[in-house]
Protein backbone atom coordinates (compact mmCIF):
# COMPACT_ATOMS: atom_id res chain seq x y z
CA MET A 1 -21.17 -4.88 -13.23
CA GLN A 2 -18.88 -7.49 -12.12
CA ILE A 3 -21.94 -10.42 -11.70
CA ILE A 4 -23.21 -9.51 -15.44
CA ALA A 5 -19.17 -9.89 -17.25
CA HIS A 6 -18.76 -13.18 -15.30
CA THR A 7 -21.82 -14.43 -15.95
CA LEU A 8 -21.13 -13.47 -20.02
CA ILE A 9 -17.67 -15.09 -19.45
CA THR A 10 -20.03 -18.80 -18.51
CA LEU A 11 -21.96 -18.69 -21.52
CA LEU A 12 -19.31 -17.70 -23.77
CA LEU A 13 -17.01 -20.81 -22.41
CA SER A 14 -19.82 -22.98 -22.26
CA ALA A 15 -20.43 -21.95 -26.17
CA HIS A 16 -16.76 -22.52 -27.25
CA TYR A 17 -17.03 -26.29 -24.95
CA LYS A 18 -20.22 -26.62 -27.46
CA PHE A 19 -18.53 -25.80 -30.72
CA TYR A 20 -15.23 -27.81 -29.64
CA GLN A 21 -17.72 -31.07 -29.34
CA LEU A 22 -19.58 -30.22 -32.41
CA LYS A 23 -16.36 -30.48 -34.12
CA LYS A 24 -14.66 -33.81 -32.67
CA ARG A 25 -18.00 -35.70 -33.55
CA LEU A 26 -18.55 -33.82 -37.34
CA LYS A 27 -15.48 -34.96 -39.57
CA TYR A 28 -16.60 -32.10 -41.89
CA PRO A 29 -19.64 -29.57 -39.74
CA LYS A 30 -21.73 -27.63 -41.57
CA ILE A 31 -23.88 -25.31 -39.63
CA ILE A 32 -26.63 -23.64 -41.33
CA GLY A 33 -24.45 -23.03 -44.62
CA MET A 34 -21.93 -22.51 -42.44
CA GLY A 35 -18.61 -24.47 -43.56
CA TYR A 36 -15.50 -25.70 -41.36
CA PHE A 37 -12.97 -22.27 -42.06
CA GLY A 38 -16.66 -20.94 -40.74
CA LEU A 39 -16.49 -22.63 -37.44
CA LYS A 40 -13.33 -21.28 -37.14
CA ILE A 41 -13.91 -17.67 -37.70
CA LEU A 42 -16.86 -18.25 -35.05
CA LYS A 43 -14.50 -19.96 -32.75
CA ARG A 44 -12.49 -17.65 -32.92
CA LEU A 45 -14.46 -14.99 -31.81
CA ILE A 46 -16.27 -16.71 -28.98
CA LEU A 47 -12.73 -16.63 -27.87
CA ALA A 48 -11.95 -12.82 -28.63
CA ALA A 49 -15.60 -11.79 -26.86
CA CYS A 50 -14.37 -14.46 -23.95
CA PHE A 51 -10.83 -12.36 -22.90
CA PHE A 52 -12.48 -9.31 -23.92
CA SER A 53 -15.48 -9.91 -21.27
CA MET A 54 -12.26 -11.46 -18.95
CA ALA A 55 -10.77 -7.70 -19.42
CA PHE A 56 -13.66 -5.96 -18.52
CA ALA A 57 -14.40 -7.83 -15.58
CA LEU A 58 -11.34 -7.21 -13.79
CA SER A 59 -11.65 -3.42 -14.82
CA THR A 60 -14.85 -2.86 -13.44
CA ASP A 61 -16.48 -1.43 -10.39
CA ALA A 62 -12.25 -0.01 -9.29
CA ALA A 63 -10.68 3.03 -10.10
CA THR A 64 -7.65 4.97 -9.07
CA ILE A 65 -7.59 8.22 -6.57
CA TYR A 66 -5.06 10.62 -7.14
CA GLY A 67 -4.06 13.98 -5.45
CA LYS A 68 -2.13 16.40 -3.45
CA VAL A 69 -1.98 17.20 0.06
CA LYS A 70 -1.07 20.82 0.35
CA ARG A 71 -1.00 21.84 3.33
CA GLN A 72 3.00 23.33 4.56
CA PRO A 73 4.31 20.67 7.69
CA ALA A 74 4.10 22.16 11.43
CA GLU A 75 7.42 23.27 12.84
CA THR A 76 8.87 20.61 14.96
CA LYS A 77 11.83 20.88 17.76
CA PRO A 78 14.52 18.71 18.61
CA GLU A 79 13.65 15.70 20.30
CA LYS A 80 15.41 15.00 23.59
CA ALA A 81 17.25 12.24 24.06
CA ILE A 82 15.55 8.94 24.96
CA SER A 83 17.77 6.90 26.84
CA ARG A 84 17.35 2.70 26.49
CA TYR A 85 20.60 2.12 28.29
CA ARG A 86 22.35 3.08 31.14
CA GLY A 87 26.04 3.41 32.26
CA ALA A 88 28.92 2.37 29.60
CA GLU A 89 26.32 0.70 27.30
CA SER A 90 25.32 4.29 26.65
CA LEU A 91 29.05 5.69 25.79
CA ILE A 92 28.07 4.37 21.89
CA SER A 93 26.43 6.91 21.18
CA GLN A 94 29.24 9.28 20.90
CA ASP A 95 29.07 7.79 17.47
CA ALA A 96 26.00 9.50 16.77
CA GLY A 97 27.86 12.96 15.08
CA GLU A 98 25.75 15.55 13.77
CA ASP A 99 22.16 15.11 14.05
CA CYS A 100 20.17 14.08 11.42
CA VAL A 101 18.23 16.57 8.71
CA CYS A 102 15.07 14.01 8.74
CA ASN A 103 11.29 15.20 8.72
CA PRO A 104 8.97 12.90 8.58
CA GLY A 105 6.24 16.00 8.39
CA LEU A 106 6.82 16.35 4.97
CA PHE A 107 5.10 13.45 4.57
CA SER A 108 1.41 13.03 4.83
CA VAL A 109 -1.11 9.48 5.00
CA VAL A 110 -3.33 9.79 2.87
CA TYR A 111 -6.45 6.31 3.57
CA LEU A 112 -10.15 5.97 2.85
CA THR A 113 -12.40 5.23 5.42
CA GLY A 114 -16.16 4.05 4.69
CA ASN A 115 -18.93 0.38 5.24
CA ASN A 116 -18.40 -2.91 3.65
CA LEU A 117 -14.45 -2.02 3.23
CA PRO A 118 -12.79 -5.58 1.78
CA PRO A 119 -10.52 -7.42 3.60
CA ILE A 120 -7.01 -6.14 3.94
CA THR A 121 -4.32 -8.55 2.11
CA PRO A 122 -0.91 -8.77 2.32
CA PRO A 123 1.49 -7.44 0.23
CA ASP A 124 3.46 -8.62 -2.28
CA THR A 125 6.56 -7.51 -0.44
CA ILE A 126 7.81 -6.96 2.63
CA PRO A 127 7.48 -3.33 3.47
CA LYS A 128 11.40 -2.03 4.73
CA MET A 129 12.28 1.48 6.58
CA ALA A 130 15.95 1.35 6.00
CA GLN A 131 18.21 3.33 8.13
CA LYS A 132 20.66 4.97 5.79
CA ASP A 133 22.58 8.03 6.60
CA LYS A 134 21.21 8.22 10.44
CA MET A 135 17.82 8.37 8.70
CA PHE A 136 14.99 6.13 9.08
CA VAL A 137 13.71 5.51 4.87
CA PRO A 138 11.05 6.60 4.63
CA SER A 139 10.47 8.46 7.71
CA VAL A 140 6.88 7.65 7.42
CA LEU A 141 4.99 4.41 5.77
CA ALA A 142 1.22 3.27 6.11
CA VAL A 143 0.87 -0.86 6.25
CA GLY A 144 -1.87 -2.57 6.65
CA VAL A 145 -3.19 -4.45 10.14
CA GLY A 146 -1.05 -7.87 10.47
CA THR A 147 1.64 -6.80 7.71
CA THR A 148 5.32 -7.17 8.78
CA VAL A 149 8.13 -4.58 8.43
CA ASP A 150 11.92 -4.93 7.93
CA PHE A 151 14.37 -2.21 9.44
CA PRO A 152 17.60 -2.83 8.02
CA ASN A 153 20.79 -0.98 8.52
CA LEU A 154 22.89 0.50 5.54
CA ASP A 155 24.77 2.58 7.69
CA PRO A 156 28.54 1.79 8.37
CA PHE A 157 28.10 1.68 12.09
CA PHE A 158 25.21 0.53 14.61
CA HIS A 159 22.06 0.96 14.84
CA ASN A 160 19.29 0.37 17.75
CA VAL A 161 15.33 1.11 16.28
CA PHE A 162 12.83 1.18 19.44
CA SER A 163 9.05 2.12 19.91
CA TYR A 164 7.71 2.75 23.04
CA SER A 165 4.20 3.41 21.60
CA LYS A 166 1.34 1.81 23.25
CA PRO A 167 0.23 -0.35 20.27
CA LYS A 168 3.65 -1.88 19.24
CA GLN A 169 6.15 -1.75 21.77
CA PHE A 170 9.58 -2.71 20.53
CA ASP A 171 12.66 -3.05 21.02
CA LEU A 172 16.04 -4.47 18.43
CA GLY A 173 18.91 -4.08 19.70
CA ARG A 174 22.12 -2.55 18.32
CA TYR A 175 22.83 -3.79 15.10
CA PRO A 176 25.63 -3.47 12.11
CA LYS A 177 25.51 -2.88 8.83
CA GLY A 178 24.06 -5.57 6.42
CA GLU A 179 21.96 -7.17 9.37
CA SER A 180 17.55 -6.29 9.57
CA GLU A 181 15.49 -7.07 12.47
CA GLN A 182 11.32 -7.17 11.17
CA VAL A 183 8.72 -6.30 13.56
CA THR A 184 4.64 -7.47 12.90
CA PHE A 185 2.24 -5.18 13.74
CA ASP A 186 -1.37 -6.72 14.54
CA LYS A 187 -2.59 -3.60 16.26
CA PRO A 188 -3.97 -0.59 14.39
CA GLY A 189 -2.45 2.77 15.45
CA ILE A 190 0.39 5.25 14.95
CA ILE A 191 3.70 3.95 16.07
CA LYS A 192 6.35 6.20 16.32
CA VAL A 193 9.90 4.45 15.75
CA PHE A 194 13.17 6.18 17.08
CA CYS A 195 16.85 4.83 17.25
CA GLU A 196 18.56 5.24 20.91
CA ILE A 197 21.86 5.32 18.94
CA HIS A 198 21.02 8.55 17.18
CA TYR A 199 18.35 10.29 19.04
CA SER A 200 17.30 12.66 15.94
CA MET A 201 16.49 10.09 14.10
CA ARG A 202 12.30 9.39 13.94
CA ALA A 203 10.19 7.55 12.11
CA TYR A 204 6.43 6.81 11.67
CA VAL A 205 4.18 3.30 11.01
CA HIS A 206 1.03 4.03 10.36
CA VAL A 207 -1.11 1.25 10.85
CA LEU A 208 -4.64 1.10 9.21
CA GLU A 209 -7.56 -0.86 9.26
CA THR A 210 -8.63 -0.72 5.55
CA PRO A 211 -6.95 -1.86 2.02
CA TYR A 212 -7.31 1.75 0.87
CA PHE A 213 -3.82 3.86 1.54
CA ALA A 214 -1.22 5.69 1.17
CA ALA A 215 2.39 7.35 2.04
CA SER A 216 2.22 11.32 -0.38
CA ASP A 217 6.04 11.87 -1.45
CA GLU A 218 7.58 15.51 0.15
CA LYS A 219 5.35 17.31 -2.33
CA GLY A 220 2.40 16.22 -1.00
CA ASN A 221 1.09 13.47 -4.28
CA PHE A 222 -0.78 10.12 -3.48
CA ILE A 223 -1.82 7.74 -5.59
CA ILE A 224 -4.65 4.81 -3.82
CA LYS A 225 -5.21 2.09 -6.81
CA ASN A 226 -7.93 -0.06 -7.22
CA VAL A 227 -10.93 1.63 -5.06
CA GLN A 228 -14.06 -0.07 -5.23
CA ASN A 229 -16.89 2.14 -6.25
CA GLY A 230 -18.99 3.86 -2.90
CA GLU A 231 -18.71 6.62 -0.92
CA TYR A 232 -15.56 6.69 1.06
CA GLN A 233 -14.22 9.18 4.20
CA LEU A 234 -10.55 10.38 2.92
CA ASN A 235 -8.30 10.78 6.24
CA VAL A 236 -5.19 13.00 6.05
CA TRP A 237 -2.91 12.29 8.58
CA GLN A 238 0.27 14.55 9.48
CA GLU A 239 2.56 15.12 12.09
CA ASN A 240 1.87 17.31 14.90
CA LEU A 241 -1.23 18.73 12.59
CA SER A 242 -4.81 17.64 13.44
CA ASN A 243 -6.36 15.20 10.79
CA LEU A 244 -8.39 16.17 8.01
CA THR A 245 -11.55 14.93 6.52
CA GLN A 246 -13.72 15.06 3.45
CA THR A 247 -16.50 12.89 1.47
CA ILE A 248 -15.55 11.94 -1.58
CA MET A 249 -17.46 9.42 -4.42
CA VAL A 250 -15.88 6.84 -6.25
CA ASN A 251 -17.26 5.69 -9.19
CA ASN A 252 -15.37 3.73 -11.97
CA ASP A 253 -13.45 6.81 -13.03
CA SER A 254 -10.32 8.21 -11.69
CA LEU A 255 -10.56 10.50 -9.18
CA PHE A 256 -7.80 13.31 -8.62
CA VAL A 257 -8.15 15.71 -5.01
CA GLU A 258 -6.74 18.07 -3.19
CA VAL A 259 -6.12 18.89 0.58
CA GLY A 260 -4.98 21.26 3.03
CA GLN A 261 -5.55 24.49 1.10
């Protein structure tokens, strides 16, 4: 469909150009009884057809998938303190105060896999996983392979973000409010993120090899835009639960999917 639309655009633009040349050559153009004003009307009709064809080309063969993950989060046990430092440096943990009330299990990552996936394009803005109120916000983040993520500290005390996960091990060190550090995630996988100072803080960065993904909200709602037509496997990840998969067929129209019932 997109090839047909692009061909139509080319033909219409060519026609418009020929009429433009005709107008330049003839001071008072006549086309089989069509006067000057008739030519102007025809020109405007051709331009309108071009704009319509461009809109058609941009909108065809793509759909929006939206839906809801309906299963309940898994029960979680308190995390053990993970010490990155020994001796006097660990005394900074006295600022930890009360544990955070974060629960990444409330969120899901929904993504599509299949054949002939388009390439992953960088996001328009750098994704953020902020440290705020002794929580990671968001506590579940989905990104494509090669994406750089910003980790700003919005709390009035130090944080230290790190991960032991095999796809990406890093330690950003301690930094105060108003400062930020970045990490580029160049391999696919699930990266579990902690704060050495506030050990109950935890989050996940889900690095994917597909351009079609979304992290749900706390109620399980998600939306994936601009999905090309075809057959896909819809996958759902949720903390400490088995993955869910189901086959979906995308055919221009928006598609609503419920999973985990």
